[in-house]
Amino acid sequence: MFDVDGTLSFNGTEINEMIIESIKKLEQYSNQIAFASARPIRDLLPIIPAFTDNHLLIDGNGSIVQMKNNTSNEK
């Protein structure tokens, strides 16, 4: 699991291409990749366009989890 803001994205709008390629290499070895952020998923998606399909997305500091376009509210 990767925290996006301040860990993968240092400007809040994009992720460096070298980091993206490194994450893709992790996927090649059957690692499940997840992205977490305090921001809403709708605001997270533009930062991770290479990883919007079939990845676990966690927003709101863990309050909402989305996987394969299915969203659930954790209580």
N, C-alpha and C. Protein backbone atom coordinates (compact mmCIF):
# COMPACT_ATOMS: atom_id res chain seq x y z
N MET A 1 0.85 -1.16 0.00
CA MET A 1 0.00 0.00 0.00
C MET A 1 0.90 1.23 0.00
N PHE A 2 0.51 2.20 -0.81
CA PHE A 2 1.26 3.44 -0.92
C PHE A 2 0.38 4.62 -0.53
N ASP A 3 0.91 5.47 0.32
CA ASP A 3 0.29 6.75 0.58
C ASP A 3 0.68 7.65 -0.59
N VAL A 4 -0.26 8.37 -1.14
CA VAL A 4 0.02 9.17 -2.33
C VAL A 4 0.65 10.51 -1.99
N ASP A 5 -0.01 11.30 -1.19
CA ASP A 5 0.44 12.67 -0.94
C ASP A 5 1.67 12.71 -0.04
N GLY A 6 2.75 13.23 -0.59
CA GLY A 6 3.99 13.36 0.15
C GLY A 6 4.88 12.13 0.09
N THR A 7 4.34 11.02 -0.42
CA THR A 7 5.14 9.80 -0.55
C THR A 7 5.38 9.48 -2.01
N LEU A 8 4.31 9.42 -2.80
CA LEU A 8 4.44 9.18 -4.24
C LEU A 8 4.36 10.48 -5.03
N SER A 9 3.54 11.39 -4.57
CA SER A 9 3.37 12.67 -5.26
C SER A 9 3.88 13.79 -4.36
N PHE A 10 4.82 14.54 -4.89
CA PHE A 10 5.42 15.59 -4.09
C PHE A 10 4.84 16.97 -4.40
N ASN A 11 4.02 17.05 -5.45
CA ASN A 11 3.40 18.33 -5.78
C ASN A 11 1.87 18.27 -5.71
N GLY A 12 1.32 17.10 -5.39
CA GLY A 12 -0.13 16.96 -5.26
C GLY A 12 -0.89 16.81 -6.55
N THR A 13 -0.18 16.76 -7.69
CA THR A 13 -0.88 16.66 -8.97
C THR A 13 -0.38 15.53 -9.86
N GLU A 14 0.82 15.00 -9.59
CA GLU A 14 1.35 13.93 -10.44
C GLU A 14 2.37 13.11 -9.69
N ILE A 15 2.69 11.94 -10.27
CA ILE A 15 3.72 11.06 -9.73
C ILE A 15 4.82 10.96 -10.78
N ASN A 16 6.04 11.07 -10.33
CA ASN A 16 7.20 10.99 -11.20
C ASN A 16 7.18 9.68 -12.00
N GLU A 17 7.55 9.74 -13.26
CA GLU A 17 7.52 8.58 -14.15
C GLU A 17 8.40 7.43 -13.63
N MET A 18 9.51 7.73 -13.00
CA MET A 18 10.37 6.67 -12.44
C MET A 18 9.65 5.90 -11.34
N ILE A 19 8.88 6.61 -10.53
CA ILE A 19 8.11 5.95 -9.47
C ILE A 19 7.02 5.09 -10.09
N ILE A 20 6.33 5.60 -11.10
CA ILE A 20 5.28 4.83 -11.78
C ILE A 20 5.86 3.54 -12.35
N GLU A 21 6.99 3.63 -13.02
CA GLU A 21 7.61 2.44 -13.60
C GLU A 21 8.02 1.44 -12.53
N SER A 22 8.49 1.92 -11.39
CA SER A 22 8.86 1.03 -10.28
C SER A 22 7.64 0.30 -9.73
N ILE A 23 6.53 1.00 -9.61
CA ILE A 23 5.30 0.36 -9.13
C ILE A 23 4.82 -0.68 -10.14
N LYS A 24 4.92 -0.38 -11.42
CA LYS A 24 4.53 -1.34 -12.44
C LYS A 24 5.39 -2.60 -12.38
N LYS A 25 6.66 -2.45 -12.04
CA LYS A 25 7.53 -3.62 -11.88
C LYS A 25 7.07 -4.48 -10.72
N LEU A 26 6.63 -3.85 -9.64
CA LEU A 26 6.10 -4.61 -8.51
C LEU A 26 4.89 -5.44 -8.94
N GLU A 27 4.05 -4.87 -9.78
CA GLU A 27 2.87 -5.59 -10.28
C GLU A 27 3.26 -6.82 -11.09
N GLN A 28 4.35 -6.72 -11.83
CA GLN A 28 4.79 -7.84 -12.66
C GLN A 28 5.12 -9.06 -11.82
N TYR A 29 5.40 -8.87 -10.54
CA TYR A 29 5.72 -9.97 -9.64
C TYR A 29 4.52 -10.33 -8.77
N SER A 30 3.32 -10.06 -9.28
CA SER A 30 2.04 -10.44 -8.66
C SER A 30 1.78 -9.75 -7.32
N ASN A 31 2.34 -8.58 -7.11
CA ASN A 31 2.03 -7.82 -5.91
C ASN A 31 0.74 -7.04 -6.11
N GLN A 32 -0.13 -7.06 -5.11
CA GLN A 32 -1.33 -6.25 -5.18
C GLN A 32 -0.96 -4.83 -4.75
N ILE A 33 -1.30 -3.87 -5.57
CA ILE A 33 -0.96 -2.49 -5.31
C ILE A 33 -2.19 -1.74 -4.80
N ALA A 34 -2.02 -0.99 -3.74
CA ALA A 34 -3.10 -0.19 -3.17
C ALA A 34 -2.60 1.23 -2.97
N PHE A 35 -3.51 2.19 -3.13
CA PHE A 35 -3.18 3.60 -2.97
C PHE A 35 -4.08 4.19 -1.90
N ALA A 36 -3.50 4.95 -0.99
CA ALA A 36 -4.27 5.57 0.08
C ALA A 36 -4.04 7.07 0.09
N SER A 37 -5.09 7.78 0.46
CA SER A 37 -5.01 9.23 0.52
C SER A 37 -6.09 9.77 1.45
N ALA A 38 -5.83 10.93 2.01
CA ALA A 38 -6.87 11.59 2.80
C ALA A 38 -7.89 12.26 1.88
N ARG A 39 -7.50 12.48 0.62
CA ARG A 39 -8.40 13.14 -0.32
C ARG A 39 -9.45 12.15 -0.82
N PRO A 40 -10.58 12.62 -1.34
CA PRO A 40 -11.60 11.73 -1.91
C PRO A 40 -11.05 10.98 -3.14
N ILE A 41 -11.61 9.82 -3.40
CA ILE A 41 -11.16 9.01 -4.55
C ILE A 41 -11.27 9.81 -5.85
N ARG A 42 -12.31 10.60 -6.00
CA ARG A 42 -12.46 11.38 -7.24
C ARG A 42 -11.29 12.32 -7.45
N ASP A 43 -10.67 12.80 -6.36
CA ASP A 43 -9.51 13.68 -6.47
C ASP A 43 -8.20 12.90 -6.54
N LEU A 44 -8.25 11.64 -6.15
CA LEU A 44 -7.07 10.78 -6.22
C LEU A 44 -6.84 10.25 -7.64
N LEU A 45 -7.90 9.95 -8.35
CA LEU A 45 -7.81 9.35 -9.68
C LEU A 45 -6.95 10.14 -10.68
N PRO A 46 -7.04 11.48 -10.73
CA PRO A 46 -6.20 12.20 -11.69
C PRO A 46 -4.69 12.09 -11.42
N ILE A 47 -4.32 11.78 -10.19
CA ILE A 47 -2.91 11.66 -9.83
C ILE A 47 -2.35 10.29 -10.22
N ILE A 48 -3.22 9.29 -10.28
CA ILE A 48 -2.76 7.92 -10.56
C ILE A 48 -3.43 7.34 -11.81
N PRO A 49 -3.42 8.04 -12.93
CA PRO A 49 -4.14 7.56 -14.11
C PRO A 49 -3.63 6.20 -14.62
N ALA A 50 -2.39 5.88 -14.37
CA ALA A 50 -1.84 4.60 -14.82
C ALA A 50 -2.32 3.44 -13.95
N PHE A 51 -2.99 3.75 -12.84
CA PHE A 51 -3.38 2.71 -11.88
C PHE A 51 -4.84 2.79 -11.47
N THR A 52 -5.71 3.23 -12.35
CA THR A 52 -7.12 3.40 -11.95
C THR A 52 -7.94 2.13 -12.09
N ASP A 53 -7.47 1.14 -12.85
CA ASP A 53 -8.22 -0.10 -13.02
C ASP A 53 -7.64 -1.20 -12.13
N ASN A 54 -8.52 -1.92 -11.46
CA ASN A 54 -8.14 -3.11 -10.70
C ASN A 54 -7.14 -2.85 -9.58
N HIS A 55 -7.21 -1.70 -8.96
CA HIS A 55 -6.36 -1.40 -7.83
C HIS A 55 -7.22 -0.98 -6.64
N LEU A 56 -6.76 -1.34 -5.48
CA LEU A 56 -7.45 -0.94 -4.26
C LEU A 56 -7.15 0.53 -3.99
N LEU A 57 -8.19 1.32 -3.83
CA LEU A 57 -8.06 2.75 -3.54
C LEU A 57 -8.72 3.03 -2.20
N ILE A 58 -8.02 3.72 -1.33
CA ILE A 58 -8.52 4.03 0.00
C ILE A 58 -8.47 5.54 0.17
N ASP A 59 -9.61 6.13 0.53
CA ASP A 59 -9.62 7.58 0.72
C ASP A 59 -10.18 7.94 2.08
N GLY A 60 -10.22 9.23 2.33
CA GLY A 60 -10.79 9.72 3.59
C GLY A 60 -10.15 9.10 4.81
N ASN A 61 -8.84 8.88 4.75
CA ASN A 61 -8.11 8.25 5.85
C ASN A 61 -8.70 6.89 6.23
N GLY A 62 -9.14 6.15 5.22
CA GLY A 62 -9.64 4.79 5.44
C GLY A 62 -11.13 4.66 5.53
N SER A 63 -11.87 5.75 5.36
CA SER A 63 -13.33 5.68 5.52
C SER A 63 -14.02 5.09 4.29
N ILE A 64 -13.41 5.18 3.11
CA ILE A 64 -14.01 4.63 1.89
C ILE A 64 -12.95 3.82 1.15
N VAL A 65 -13.37 2.63 0.71
CA VAL A 65 -12.48 1.73 -0.03
C VAL A 65 -13.13 1.42 -1.36
N GLN A 66 -12.35 1.50 -2.44
CA GLN A 66 -12.87 1.19 -3.78
C GLN A 66 -11.97 0.14 -4.43
N MET A 67 -12.60 -0.89 -4.97
CA MET A 67 -11.88 -1.92 -5.71
C MET A 67 -12.70 -2.27 -6.94
N LYS A 68 -12.08 -2.19 -8.11
CA LYS A 68 -12.74 -2.51 -9.38
C LYS A 68 -14.07 -1.78 -9.52
N ASN A 69 -14.05 -0.50 -9.26
CA ASN A 69 -15.22 0.38 -9.40
C ASN A 69 -16.36 0.04 -8.45
N ASN A 70 -16.10 -0.75 -7.40
CA ASN A 70 -17.09 -0.98 -6.35
C ASN A 70 -16.64 -0.20 -5.14
N THR A 71 -17.52 0.62 -4.60
CA THR A 71 -17.17 1.45 -3.47
C THR A 71 -17.95 1.04 -2.24
N SER A 72 -17.28 0.99 -1.10
CA SER A 72 -17.98 0.69 0.14
C SER A 72 -17.52 1.67 1.21
N ASN A 73 -18.44 2.03 2.09
CA ASN A 73 -18.12 2.90 3.21
C ASN A 73 -17.78 2.02 4.39
N GLU A 74 -16.64 2.21 4.94
CA GLU A 74 -16.23 1.48 6.14
C GLU A 74 -16.71 2.25 7.34
N LYS A 75 -17.27 1.56 8.30
CA LYS A 75 -17.77 2.24 9.50
C LYS A 75 -17.09 1.70 10.71
